[in-house]
Amino acid sequence: MRCVPVTEPNGPLKVVERETPSPKRGQIGIAVEACSVCHSDVFVTSGGFPGLELPRVPGHEIAGKVDAVGEGVTAWKVGDRVGVGWHGGHCFKCGACRTGDFLNCAEQRITGISHDGGWADYVVVPWESAARIPDELPAADAGPLLCAGVTTYNSLCNSGARPGDLVAVLGIGGLGHLGVQYAVKMGFHTVVLSRGAEKEPLSRELGAHDYIDTTTKDPAETLQVMGGAKVILATAPNAKAISATFGGLKARGRLVVVGATPDPLEIPAFDLLSGRQVAGWPSGRPIDSEATMQFSTLTGVRAQIEIFPLEEAGNALQKVLENKVRFRAVLVP
C-alpha cells in the first residue's frame, strides 16, 4: 500500500510503499477512499504531540470500506462503509467508559496519533472507533464531517439552544461554515460574526439570517440590541475575538468554544452572575459522528471541499495552514 508517514518533525512528506497491515483481534482494516486534512494534523507533522512516536501516518477524517475484520469483531463486516474521526478507541473498563463517556477514556486512543491514520490507501483501527456512513453520502463529503462536522453539530446539539433561539457563530472558516449550516437547519435564528464585509455574501449563501461585521460593529452590543444570544459558537481560534463576544449573551446564555486557542480568555466575573456560561466541546464519539452524517444527509449540509491526490498531502497541509483552502482539503488515494 501507499502512505505518507511522518518520519521526523517538520520533515518532508512523501508517498512511500509499505506492506499492507492485517487487523488483529478487535481491529478492522479499511480501504481508504478519502481522508480530509485537518489543522490538527500539524500535531503529528511537527512531532509536537505529547508522547507521539514516529514514524506515524497522520489523518483522522477517514472514509472508506471495511476490507478485513479481526478476530472477535462482530459489529462490522467486509463491505461496510465506515468513517473514523479523532476518537480512535477506548478501553470500555475505566470509570469514564463505564458511564458511557468514551471521549474521556483514561486510555483513549487518537486516530493518526496513537496509531496510523488515513493518509494512506489502507488503515487498521480499533473496531469501536468506526462510524457507519449513509449510502447516499460520498466518501469525500463524509471525511470533513468526521471532525469539523461532528464538532460543530455535536456542540450545538448539546448547547441548550432550542428552535427559534438566537445562535451566533463566530468565524466562517472550516468549522464555522459547517456550524452556520447546522444552526440554520436546526431552526435557530443564525447570526454570523466575522471580520470584514466580504464574508457576508457567503454567510447569507449558507443560510445565515444576519451578519455582523466585527470591524465596524461591537459584536456584544449588536447582539444585545437583537435580544441577546442564547448560544455563541466560537469557531475562530482567536482569544481576543472570542472574549469580545461574551457580553452578547443573554442571561443564562452559553459561549461554546470549539476553536482551540492557547491564549487565555478575558471574561468579566461580574457577567457570570447572570448565569452566563463558558464551555468547550470536543469532537464526538463514533455514534455522534453517525448522527452528524445522518443529519447532514437528510438536510443537505455539506463541507466545501478541495480535493488533492495522496501525493500532494504536504501541499494540502500547507494550504490548510496558510488558510488558502475553502474550506476543507480532502486527500483521495
Protein backbone atom coordinates (compact mmCIF):
# COMPACT_ATOMS: atom_id res chain seq x y z
CA MET A 1 0.00 0.00 0.00
CA ARG A 2 0.96 3.67 -0.29
CA CYS A 3 1.07 6.01 2.67
CA VAL A 4 2.54 9.36 3.76
CA PRO A 5 4.37 8.81 7.05
CA VAL A 6 5.95 11.48 9.23
CA THR A 7 9.45 10.21 9.94
CA GLU A 8 10.92 13.32 11.58
CA PRO A 9 9.48 16.58 12.95
CA ASN A 10 8.71 19.01 10.11
CA GLY A 11 10.36 16.67 7.64
CA PRO A 12 9.36 16.12 4.01
CA LEU A 13 6.01 14.46 3.39
CA LYS A 14 6.40 11.86 0.67
CA VAL A 15 4.45 8.84 -0.50
CA VAL A 16 6.16 5.56 0.34
CA GLU A 17 5.17 1.95 -0.13
CA ARG A 18 4.92 -0.47 2.75
CA GLU A 19 3.30 -3.82 3.44
CA THR A 20 -0.45 -3.64 3.93
CA PRO A 21 -1.22 -4.38 7.60
CA SER A 22 -3.72 -7.01 8.71
CA PRO A 23 -6.19 -6.34 11.52
CA LYS A 24 -5.51 -8.07 14.81
CA ARG A 25 -8.08 -9.06 17.40
CA GLY A 26 -10.55 -6.21 17.97
CA GLN A 27 -9.49 -4.33 14.85
CA ILE A 28 -10.81 -3.74 11.35
CA GLY A 29 -8.97 -2.99 8.12
CA ILE A 30 -10.33 -0.16 5.96
CA ALA A 31 -9.66 0.55 2.30
CA VAL A 32 -9.41 4.35 2.39
CA GLU A 33 -11.50 6.23 -0.17
CA ALA A 34 -10.93 9.73 1.23
CA CYS A 35 -9.22 11.39 4.18
CA SER A 36 -9.55 15.07 5.00
CA VAL A 37 -6.63 17.22 6.11
CA CYS A 38 -7.18 18.99 9.42
CA HIS A 39 -5.22 21.82 11.03
CA SER A 40 -4.70 19.43 13.96
CA ASP A 41 -2.60 17.18 11.70
CA VAL A 42 0.25 19.60 12.40
CA PHE A 43 0.45 17.99 15.86
CA VAL A 44 1.85 14.97 14.02
CA THR A 45 3.88 16.60 11.25
CA SER A 46 5.63 18.84 13.79
CA GLY A 47 6.23 15.94 16.15
CA GLY A 48 4.80 18.10 18.91
CA PHE A 49 2.00 15.97 20.34
CA PRO A 50 2.94 14.63 23.80
CA GLY A 51 4.01 11.00 23.65
CA LEU A 52 3.90 10.82 19.85
CA GLU A 53 6.04 8.05 18.41
CA LEU A 54 7.46 8.42 14.90
CA PRO A 55 7.12 7.26 12.21
CA ARG A 56 3.39 7.91 12.17
CA VAL A 57 0.86 8.29 9.34
CA PRO A 58 -1.45 11.27 10.06
CA GLY A 59 -5.13 11.61 9.20
CA HIS A 60 -8.23 11.44 11.42
CA GLU A 61 -11.06 12.15 8.97
CA ILE A 62 -11.18 8.79 7.21
CA ALA A 63 -13.91 7.47 4.92
CA GLY A 64 -13.77 4.08 3.26
CA LYS A 65 -14.96 0.48 3.26
CA VAL A 66 -14.23 -2.38 5.63
CA ASP A 67 -11.81 -4.71 3.85
CA ALA A 68 -10.95 -7.13 6.65
CA VAL A 69 -12.24 -7.96 10.12
CA GLY A 70 -10.08 -9.09 13.02
CA GLU A 71 -10.86 -11.86 15.48
CA GLY A 72 -13.68 -11.12 17.89
CA VAL A 73 -15.24 -8.31 15.84
CA THR A 74 -18.96 -8.76 15.24
CA ALA A 75 -20.10 -5.16 14.74
CA TRP A 76 -18.70 -4.82 11.21
CA LYS A 77 -18.44 -6.93 8.09
CA VAL A 78 -16.46 -6.67 4.88
CA GLY A 79 -18.01 -4.10 2.55
CA ASP A 80 -19.49 -1.85 5.24
CA ARG A 81 -19.00 1.88 4.60
CA VAL A 82 -17.32 3.40 7.64
CA GLY A 83 -15.69 6.60 8.79
CA VAL A 84 -13.16 7.19 11.55
CA GLY A 85 -12.62 10.50 13.32
CA TRP A 86 -10.36 11.93 16.04
CA HIS A 87 -11.62 9.46 18.65
CA GLY A 88 -9.60 6.35 17.92
CA GLY A 89 -10.80 3.89 20.52
CA HIS A 90 -11.44 3.37 24.21
CA CYS A 91 -10.92 0.72 26.89
CA PHE A 92 -14.55 0.06 27.95
CA LYS A 93 -13.26 -0.53 31.54
CA CYS A 94 -12.31 2.80 33.15
CA GLY A 95 -14.71 4.96 35.14
CA ALA A 96 -15.46 7.24 32.21
CA CYS A 97 -16.18 4.34 29.84
CA ARG A 98 -18.44 2.67 32.38
CA THR A 99 -20.65 5.77 32.30
CA GLY A 100 -20.56 5.97 28.51
CA ASP A 101 -18.17 8.93 28.48
CA PHE A 102 -15.85 7.35 25.92
CA LEU A 103 -14.32 10.70 24.90
CA ASN A 104 -12.71 10.95 28.32
CA CYS A 105 -11.50 7.37 28.49
CA ALA A 106 -8.40 7.07 30.66
CA GLU A 107 -6.74 5.11 27.84
CA GLN A 108 -8.29 6.99 24.93
CA ARG A 109 -6.61 6.50 21.57
CA ILE A 110 -6.42 9.17 18.88
CA THR A 111 -6.56 8.30 15.19
CA GLY A 112 -3.37 9.29 13.40
CA ILE A 113 -1.54 9.86 16.69
CA SER A 114 -1.89 6.72 18.83
CA HIS A 115 -1.85 4.60 15.67
CA ASP A 116 -1.52 5.25 11.95
CA GLY A 117 -4.21 7.33 10.28
CA GLY A 118 -5.75 7.77 6.87
CA TRP A 119 -3.10 9.46 4.72
CA ALA A 120 -2.82 6.07 3.05
CA ASP A 121 -4.50 3.52 0.82
CA TYR A 122 -5.31 1.37 3.83
CA VAL A 123 -5.62 1.72 7.59
CA VAL A 124 -6.18 -0.58 10.56
CA VAL A 125 -8.16 0.80 13.52
CA PRO A 126 -9.93 -0.43 16.67
CA TRP A 127 -13.43 -1.57 15.71
CA GLU A 128 -15.13 0.74 18.21
CA SER A 129 -13.71 3.86 16.54
CA ALA A 130 -15.71 3.36 13.33
CA ALA A 131 -18.97 5.09 12.39
CA ARG A 132 -21.41 4.00 9.71
CA ILE A 133 -21.59 6.22 6.61
CA PRO A 134 -25.01 6.64 4.95
CA ASP A 135 -25.19 5.13 1.49
CA GLU A 136 -26.16 8.48 -0.04
CA LEU A 137 -23.09 10.32 1.30
CA PRO A 138 -19.98 10.27 -0.95
CA ALA A 139 -16.70 9.46 0.80
CA ALA A 140 -15.11 12.84 0.01
CA ASP A 141 -18.10 14.59 1.61
CA ALA A 142 -18.11 12.28 4.63
CA GLY A 143 -14.47 12.91 5.59
CA PRO A 144 -14.81 16.51 6.85
CA LEU A 145 -17.97 15.63 8.78
CA LEU A 146 -15.93 13.27 10.98
CA CYS A 147 -14.06 16.15 12.61
CA ALA A 148 -15.24 19.66 11.72
CA GLY A 149 -18.76 18.37 11.19
CA VAL A 150 -19.22 16.36 14.36
CA THR A 151 -17.53 19.07 16.44
CA THR A 152 -19.96 21.79 15.37
CA TYR A 153 -23.07 19.61 15.10
CA ASN A 154 -22.49 17.86 18.42
CA SER A 155 -21.70 21.07 20.28
CA LEU A 156 -24.91 22.72 19.02
CA CYS A 157 -26.98 19.65 19.93
CA ASN A 158 -25.68 19.89 23.48
CA SER A 159 -25.66 23.70 23.78
CA GLY A 160 -29.11 24.07 25.30
CA ALA A 161 -30.42 26.14 22.37
CA ARG A 162 -33.91 25.42 21.05
CA PRO A 163 -35.51 26.18 17.67
CA GLY A 164 -36.14 29.89 17.38
CA ASP A 165 -33.30 30.87 19.74
CA LEU A 166 -30.68 33.33 18.54
CA VAL A 167 -27.41 31.49 17.92
CA ALA A 168 -24.31 33.36 16.81
CA VAL A 169 -21.40 31.67 15.02
CA LEU A 170 -18.03 33.37 15.38
CA GLY A 171 -15.87 32.69 12.33
CA ILE A 172 -16.70 31.41 8.86
CA GLY A 173 -13.80 29.01 8.23
CA GLY A 174 -13.51 25.23 8.19
CA LEU A 175 -15.56 24.81 11.36
CA GLY A 176 -17.70 27.91 11.05
CA HIS A 177 -19.07 27.32 7.57
CA LEU A 178 -20.45 24.00 8.80
CA GLY A 179 -21.64 25.45 12.11
CA VAL A 180 -23.71 28.04 10.25
CA GLN A 181 -25.40 25.39 8.14
CA TYR A 182 -26.20 23.21 11.14
CA ALA A 183 -27.55 26.16 13.13
CA VAL A 184 -29.87 27.11 10.27
CA LYS A 185 -31.10 23.55 9.71
CA MET A 186 -31.75 23.14 13.46
CA GLY A 187 -34.12 26.09 13.34
CA PHE A 188 -32.03 28.68 15.15
CA HIS A 189 -32.02 32.39 14.31
CA THR A 190 -28.47 32.25 12.97
CA VAL A 191 -26.11 35.22 13.11
CA VAL A 192 -22.56 35.17 11.75
CA LEU A 193 -19.83 37.22 13.45
CA SER A 194 -16.76 37.80 11.30
CA ARG A 195 -14.26 40.42 10.19
CA GLY A 196 -14.99 42.37 7.02
CA ALA A 197 -17.97 42.87 4.76
CA GLU A 198 -16.60 40.40 2.21
CA LYS A 199 -17.69 37.45 4.39
CA GLU A 200 -21.36 38.43 4.34
CA PRO A 201 -22.34 37.03 0.89
CA LEU A 202 -21.02 33.56 1.81
CA SER A 203 -22.73 33.72 5.20
CA ARG A 204 -26.04 34.53 3.51
CA GLU A 205 -25.46 31.78 0.95
CA LEU A 206 -25.01 29.29 3.79
CA GLY A 207 -28.35 30.40 5.21
CA ALA A 208 -27.41 32.91 7.92
CA HIS A 209 -30.24 35.28 8.82
CA ASP A 210 -27.97 38.14 9.93
CA TYR A 211 -24.34 39.16 9.64
CA ILE A 212 -22.25 41.33 11.98
CA ASP A 213 -19.01 42.81 10.68
CA THR A 214 -16.90 42.94 13.84
CA THR A 215 -14.57 45.55 12.31
CA THR A 216 -17.37 48.13 12.20
CA LYS A 217 -19.73 46.99 14.98
CA ASP A 218 -19.20 45.85 18.54
CA PRO A 219 -20.38 42.21 18.45
CA ALA A 220 -21.59 42.12 22.06
CA GLU A 221 -23.54 45.37 21.83
CA THR A 222 -25.08 44.41 18.49
CA LEU A 223 -26.20 41.02 19.76
CA GLN A 224 -27.78 42.65 22.80
CA VAL A 225 -29.75 45.01 20.56
CA MET A 226 -31.04 41.87 18.83
CA GLY A 227 -32.17 40.44 22.16
CA GLY A 228 -29.03 38.61 23.20
CA ALA A 229 -27.68 35.27 22.03
CA LYS A 230 -28.72 32.03 23.68
CA VAL A 231 -25.53 30.46 22.33
CA ILE A 232 -22.36 31.79 20.76
CA LEU A 233 -20.43 29.08 18.93
CA ALA A 234 -16.81 30.25 18.80
CA THR A 235 -15.11 28.53 15.87
CA ALA A 236 -12.36 31.12 15.29
CA PRO A 237 -9.20 30.31 17.33
CA ASN A 238 -8.69 33.90 18.50
CA ALA A 239 -8.92 34.55 22.23
CA LYS A 240 -9.42 38.29 21.84
CA ALA A 241 -12.24 37.86 19.32
CA ILE A 242 -13.91 35.19 21.46
CA SER A 243 -13.72 37.32 24.61
CA ALA A 244 -15.27 40.28 22.78
CA THR A 245 -18.47 38.30 22.12
CA PHE A 246 -19.21 37.19 25.68
CA GLY A 247 -21.22 40.29 26.57
CA GLY A 248 -23.60 39.48 23.71
CA LEU A 249 -25.09 36.54 25.57
CA LYS A 250 -28.49 36.82 27.17
CA ALA A 251 -28.93 35.79 30.80
CA ARG A 252 -28.06 32.10 31.18
CA GLY A 253 -26.68 32.05 27.65
CA ARG A 254 -23.66 29.95 26.82
CA LEU A 255 -20.40 30.64 25.00
CA VAL A 256 -19.27 27.34 23.45
CA VAL A 257 -15.63 27.28 22.37
CA VAL A 258 -14.64 24.76 19.68
CA GLY A 259 -11.85 26.77 18.00
CA ALA A 260 -8.80 25.86 20.07
CA THR A 261 -6.52 28.71 21.12
CA PRO A 262 -3.64 28.54 23.63
CA ASP A 263 -4.28 32.08 24.83
CA PRO A 264 -6.48 32.81 27.89
CA LEU A 265 -9.94 34.30 27.54
CA GLU A 266 -10.81 37.54 29.32
CA ILE A 267 -14.25 37.15 30.84
CA PRO A 268 -15.59 39.65 33.44
CA ALA A 269 -16.51 37.70 36.57
CA PHE A 270 -19.48 40.01 37.18
CA ASP A 271 -21.07 38.89 33.91
CA LEU A 272 -21.15 35.32 35.17
CA LEU A 273 -23.59 36.25 37.93
CA SER A 274 -26.44 36.36 35.41
CA GLY A 275 -25.91 32.66 34.75
CA ARG A 276 -23.87 33.16 31.57
CA GLN A 277 -21.55 30.23 30.96
CA VAL A 278 -18.32 29.46 29.16
CA ALA A 279 -17.86 25.90 27.93
CA GLY A 280 -15.77 23.93 25.50
CA TRP A 281 -16.77 20.93 23.45
CA PRO A 282 -14.71 18.06 21.99
CA SER A 283 -15.49 16.36 18.70
CA GLY A 284 -17.64 13.35 19.49
CA ARG A 285 -17.99 9.61 19.84
CA PRO A 286 -18.45 7.41 16.78
CA ILE A 287 -22.20 7.35 17.44
CA ASP A 288 -22.11 11.18 17.36
CA SER A 289 -20.32 11.02 14.02
CA GLU A 290 -23.07 8.75 12.72
CA ALA A 291 -25.71 11.23 13.88
CA THR A 292 -23.81 14.07 12.20
CA MET A 293 -23.63 12.25 8.88
CA GLN A 294 -27.26 11.18 9.05
CA PHE A 295 -28.44 14.73 9.80
CA SER A 296 -26.20 16.12 7.06
CA THR A 297 -27.56 13.63 4.55
CA LEU A 298 -31.16 14.46 5.45
CA THR A 299 -30.73 18.24 5.39
CA GLY A 300 -28.11 18.72 2.65
CA VAL A 301 -25.37 20.11 4.90
CA ARG A 302 -22.00 19.71 3.17
CA ALA A 303 -18.49 20.97 3.66
CA GLN A 304 -16.98 23.00 0.84
CA ILE A 305 -14.00 20.88 -0.18
CA GLU A 306 -10.91 20.93 -2.36
CA ILE A 307 -9.63 17.51 -3.45
CA PHE A 308 -5.95 16.55 -3.63
CA PRO A 309 -4.27 13.29 -4.65
CA LEU A 310 -2.37 11.46 -1.91
CA GLU A 311 0.93 12.56 -3.47
CA GLU A 312 0.06 16.18 -2.65
CA ALA A 313 -0.55 15.64 1.08
CA GLY A 314 2.24 18.06 2.00
CA ASN A 315 0.89 20.73 -0.32
CA ALA A 316 -2.64 20.23 1.01
CA LEU A 317 -1.49 20.64 4.61
CA GLN A 318 0.48 23.76 3.77
CA LYS A 319 -2.56 25.33 2.11
CA VAL A 320 -4.62 24.50 5.19
CA LEU A 321 -2.05 26.12 7.48
CA GLU A 322 -1.95 29.21 5.26
CA ASN A 323 -5.76 29.38 5.24
CA LYS A 324 -5.81 29.04 1.45
CA VAL A 325 -8.31 26.17 1.26
CA ARG A 326 -12.04 26.92 1.13
CA PHE A 327 -12.73 25.17 3.37
CA ARG A 328 -11.58 21.57 3.84
CA ALA A 329 -8.82 19.78 1.95
CA VAL A 330 -9.55 16.13 1.15
CA LEU A 331 -6.97 13.54 0.07
CA VAL A 332 -8.28 10.91 -2.33
CA PRO A 333 -5.88 7.95 -2.84
